[in-house]
Amino acid sequence: MKDPVLTRIDFRLIHGQVSTQWVVELKVNSIVVIDDELPSDKLLSTIMMMSKPRDNTLDIVTCEQAAEMWNNGWFDQHGNVMILFKSTAMARRAYECGVKYPELQVGNMPGGPGKICVMDVIYMDEEDARNVDAIADAGCKVHLKITPEFQSYKTWEQAKKESFPNL
């Protein structure tokens, strides 16, 4: 099976950074947004379709649909695929449903009550940390990175030790 060129958590999903940096840097031709609510939200789905890079395909699917695509070889047939999640919970759910991506990049996650800055614009609470930890414990390599040219990044082990030492 051909692995995705990037599997990323970024609460903004498709936005300028994805369109102008990640897609170009990794020569992505297919984007898959995995979210259990977004496929039924026609307005947001339409906005996402209009926001995608012109030369890319976009599929907005539930975790179960993504697992079916994964198991049926869809990823093998669609070139350089990027998977996007808006949350750690959805990334974990998809992984547990059978989308066994080998690497996960944690990108922009907003702050809020109970969240701490793990790195730059990546904020997590304990639930986020438990979700990422479960994915890492299942054998997925996890790291935190903002943009392709951003020199600094952290492995999940580093981030966990610094921000969630009691996990």
Foldseek 3Di string as FASTA:
>chain_A
DDFALAEEAALVQQDDQCAPFVCVVSVAAEEEEEDQPVVVVVVVVVVVVVRHHPRHHYHYYYLLVVQVCQVVCVVVVRPRYYYYYHALVRVLSSCVSHSLHQEYEYEADDDDPQWDDLDDRDTDHVVRLVSVVVSVVVRHWYKYDYGPPGPDIGTNVVSCVVPPVPD
